[in-house]
Each structure stands twice: as C-alpha cells, then as structure tokens.
Amino acid sequence: MLHGMSTTVEPLSERSAAEVNEEIRALWRRSGGTLNTEQRAEYQRLVMEWAAAAPQSARAA
C-alpha cells in the first residue's frame, strides 16, 4: 500500500514557457547548432521545464 504519494506535477520553475523557450534558443545559438554533452543535459532540463510550463495545446503541436 502506498502512502503520501502525490499525483500532481509541480512546475520546475515559475518561468513562462516563452521565457524557457528563449533560453533554449539562446543555447542553440551559443552552441553553433551542435550540443556537447554538458549542453545536451542543459537542453533536456530546459525542454522538461518548457513542457511543464507550456499550455496543453502547445505540447500537442
């Protein structure tokens, strides 16, 4: 039996999807279009943050 587990998703940040998207774009610009291992990890974290902040309709697109 499970106790105390929450099924709600807590946002990773208080930033809007647009703010996170701009950071993703900046990361790609800085990298010149090729992400190294560290940048790839940053990109994955940002995409998860964006998905948490984006409206349902934007995630389906």
N, C-alpha and C. Protein backbone atom coordinates (compact mmCIF):
# COMPACT_ATOMS: atom_id res chain seq x y z
N MET A 1 0.84 -1.17 0.00
CA MET A 1 0.00 0.00 0.00
C MET A 1 0.88 1.24 0.00
N LEU A 2 0.55 2.20 -0.84
CA LEU A 2 1.34 3.42 -0.95
C LEU A 2 0.73 4.53 -0.13
N HIS A 3 1.56 5.26 0.55
CA HIS A 3 1.10 6.37 1.37
C HIS A 3 1.86 7.63 1.00
N GLY A 4 1.16 8.76 1.03
CA GLY A 4 1.81 10.04 0.89
C GLY A 4 2.35 10.39 -0.49
N MET A 5 1.98 9.65 -1.51
CA MET A 5 2.48 9.97 -2.84
C MET A 5 1.53 10.95 -3.52
N SER A 6 2.10 12.00 -4.03
CA SER A 6 1.32 13.00 -4.73
C SER A 6 1.27 12.65 -6.21
N THR A 7 0.12 12.85 -6.82
CA THR A 7 -0.01 12.61 -8.25
C THR A 7 -0.01 13.91 -9.04
N THR A 8 0.16 15.02 -8.36
CA THR A 8 0.20 16.30 -9.07
C THR A 8 1.63 16.61 -9.50
N VAL A 9 1.75 17.24 -10.66
CA VAL A 9 3.05 17.62 -11.18
C VAL A 9 3.33 19.04 -10.73
N GLU A 10 4.45 19.21 -10.06
CA GLU A 10 4.84 20.54 -9.62
C GLU A 10 5.71 21.17 -10.69
N PRO A 11 5.47 22.46 -11.00
CA PRO A 11 6.28 23.11 -12.03
C PRO A 11 7.74 23.15 -11.61
N LEU A 12 8.63 23.02 -12.59
CA LEU A 12 10.06 23.07 -12.31
C LEU A 12 10.51 24.49 -12.03
N SER A 13 9.77 25.46 -12.50
CA SER A 13 10.13 26.85 -12.23
C SER A 13 8.89 27.71 -12.36
N GLU A 14 9.06 28.95 -12.04
CA GLU A 14 7.97 29.92 -12.15
C GLU A 14 8.04 30.66 -13.48
N ARG A 15 8.97 30.27 -14.34
CA ARG A 15 9.12 30.96 -15.62
C ARG A 15 8.05 30.51 -16.59
N SER A 16 7.71 31.39 -17.51
CA SER A 16 6.73 31.04 -18.54
C SER A 16 7.39 30.17 -19.60
N ALA A 17 6.56 29.50 -20.38
CA ALA A 17 7.07 28.68 -21.48
C ALA A 17 7.85 29.54 -22.46
N ALA A 18 7.40 30.76 -22.69
CA ALA A 18 8.10 31.66 -23.62
C ALA A 18 9.50 32.00 -23.11
N GLU A 19 9.63 32.22 -21.81
CA GLU A 19 10.95 32.52 -21.23
C GLU A 19 11.90 31.33 -21.37
N VAL A 20 11.38 30.15 -21.10
CA VAL A 20 12.21 28.95 -21.21
C VAL A 20 12.57 28.70 -22.67
N ASN A 21 11.62 28.91 -23.57
CA ASN A 21 11.87 28.73 -24.99
C ASN A 21 12.98 29.66 -25.46
N GLU A 22 12.99 30.88 -24.99
CA GLU A 22 14.04 31.83 -25.37
C GLU A 22 15.40 31.35 -24.88
N GLU A 23 15.44 30.75 -23.70
CA GLU A 23 16.71 30.21 -23.20
C GLU A 23 17.17 29.02 -24.05
N ILE A 24 16.22 28.20 -24.48
CA ILE A 24 16.56 27.07 -25.37
C ILE A 24 17.15 27.61 -26.67
N ARG A 25 16.51 28.62 -27.24
CA ARG A 25 17.02 29.21 -28.48
C ARG A 25 18.42 29.80 -28.29
N ALA A 26 18.64 30.46 -27.17
CA ALA A 26 19.95 31.04 -26.88
C ALA A 26 21.02 29.95 -26.75
N LEU A 27 20.65 28.84 -26.13
CA LEU A 27 21.58 27.72 -26.00
C LEU A 27 22.01 27.22 -27.38
N TRP A 28 21.06 27.05 -28.28
CA TRP A 28 21.38 26.60 -29.63
C TRP A 28 22.23 27.61 -30.37
N ARG A 29 21.95 28.92 -30.19
CA ARG A 29 22.76 29.95 -30.86
C ARG A 29 24.20 29.91 -30.34
N ARG A 30 24.36 29.81 -29.03
CA ARG A 30 25.70 29.77 -28.43
C ARG A 30 26.48 28.54 -28.88
N SER A 31 25.77 27.44 -29.07
CA SER A 31 26.44 26.18 -29.40
C SER A 31 26.82 26.08 -30.87
N GLY A 32 26.27 26.96 -31.69
CA GLY A 32 26.54 26.87 -33.12
C GLY A 32 25.81 25.72 -33.78
N GLY A 33 24.80 25.19 -33.12
CA GLY A 33 23.99 24.13 -33.69
C GLY A 33 24.41 22.73 -33.32
N THR A 34 25.48 22.59 -32.55
CA THR A 34 25.93 21.27 -32.11
C THR A 34 26.14 21.32 -30.60
N LEU A 35 25.39 20.50 -29.88
CA LEU A 35 25.47 20.50 -28.42
C LEU A 35 26.48 19.47 -27.94
N ASN A 36 27.34 19.89 -27.00
CA ASN A 36 28.23 18.92 -26.37
C ASN A 36 27.45 18.21 -25.25
N THR A 37 28.10 17.33 -24.54
CA THR A 37 27.41 16.53 -23.51
C THR A 37 26.78 17.41 -22.44
N GLU A 38 27.52 18.40 -21.97
CA GLU A 38 27.00 19.29 -20.94
C GLU A 38 25.82 20.12 -21.46
N GLN A 39 25.95 20.62 -22.68
CA GLN A 39 24.86 21.41 -23.27
C GLN A 39 23.63 20.55 -23.54
N ARG A 40 23.84 19.29 -23.90
CA ARG A 40 22.72 18.38 -24.15
C ARG A 40 21.92 18.16 -22.87
N ALA A 41 22.62 18.02 -21.75
CA ALA A 41 21.96 17.85 -20.46
C ALA A 41 21.16 19.11 -20.12
N GLU A 42 21.75 20.27 -20.37
CA GLU A 42 21.05 21.55 -20.15
C GLU A 42 19.81 21.64 -21.03
N TYR A 43 19.94 21.24 -22.29
CA TYR A 43 18.82 21.27 -23.23
C TYR A 43 17.68 20.37 -22.73
N GLN A 44 18.01 19.18 -22.29
CA GLN A 44 16.99 18.25 -21.80
C GLN A 44 16.28 18.82 -20.59
N ARG A 45 17.04 19.44 -19.67
CA ARG A 45 16.42 20.07 -18.50
C ARG A 45 15.49 21.20 -18.91
N LEU A 46 15.93 22.00 -19.87
CA LEU A 46 15.10 23.12 -20.34
C LEU A 46 13.82 22.63 -21.04
N VAL A 47 13.94 21.57 -21.82
CA VAL A 47 12.76 21.04 -22.50
C VAL A 47 11.74 20.52 -21.48
N MET A 48 12.21 19.88 -20.43
CA MET A 48 11.30 19.41 -19.39
C MET A 48 10.64 20.59 -18.69
N GLU A 49 11.40 21.64 -18.44
CA GLU A 49 10.85 22.84 -17.81
C GLU A 49 9.83 23.49 -18.73
N TRP A 50 10.16 23.55 -20.04
CA TRP A 50 9.23 24.14 -21.01
C TRP A 50 7.93 23.34 -21.04
N ALA A 51 8.03 22.02 -21.08
CA ALA A 51 6.84 21.17 -21.15
C ALA A 51 5.95 21.37 -19.93
N ALA A 52 6.56 21.56 -18.76
CA ALA A 52 5.78 21.78 -17.55
C ALA A 52 5.08 23.14 -17.57
N ALA A 53 5.70 24.12 -18.24
CA ALA A 53 5.15 25.47 -18.27
C ALA A 53 4.21 25.72 -19.45
N ALA A 54 4.34 24.94 -20.51
CA ALA A 54 3.57 25.17 -21.73
C ALA A 54 2.12 24.73 -21.57
N PRO A 55 1.21 25.45 -22.18
CA PRO A 55 -0.20 25.02 -22.19
C PRO A 55 -0.33 23.68 -22.92
N GLN A 56 -1.35 22.92 -22.60
CA GLN A 56 -1.59 21.62 -23.23
C GLN A 56 -1.56 21.71 -24.76
N SER A 57 -2.17 22.74 -25.34
CA SER A 57 -2.26 22.86 -26.78
C SER A 57 -0.89 23.01 -27.43
N ALA A 58 0.05 23.69 -26.78
CA ALA A 58 1.39 23.87 -27.33
C ALA A 58 2.17 22.55 -27.29
N ARG A 59 1.95 21.73 -26.27
CA ARG A 59 2.67 20.47 -26.16
C ARG A 59 2.19 19.47 -27.20
N ALA A 60 0.95 19.58 -27.65
CA ALA A 60 0.43 18.64 -28.63
C ALA A 60 0.91 18.95 -30.04
N ALA A 61 1.37 20.18 -30.24
CA ALA A 61 1.81 20.61 -31.59
C ALA A 61 3.12 20.00 -32.00
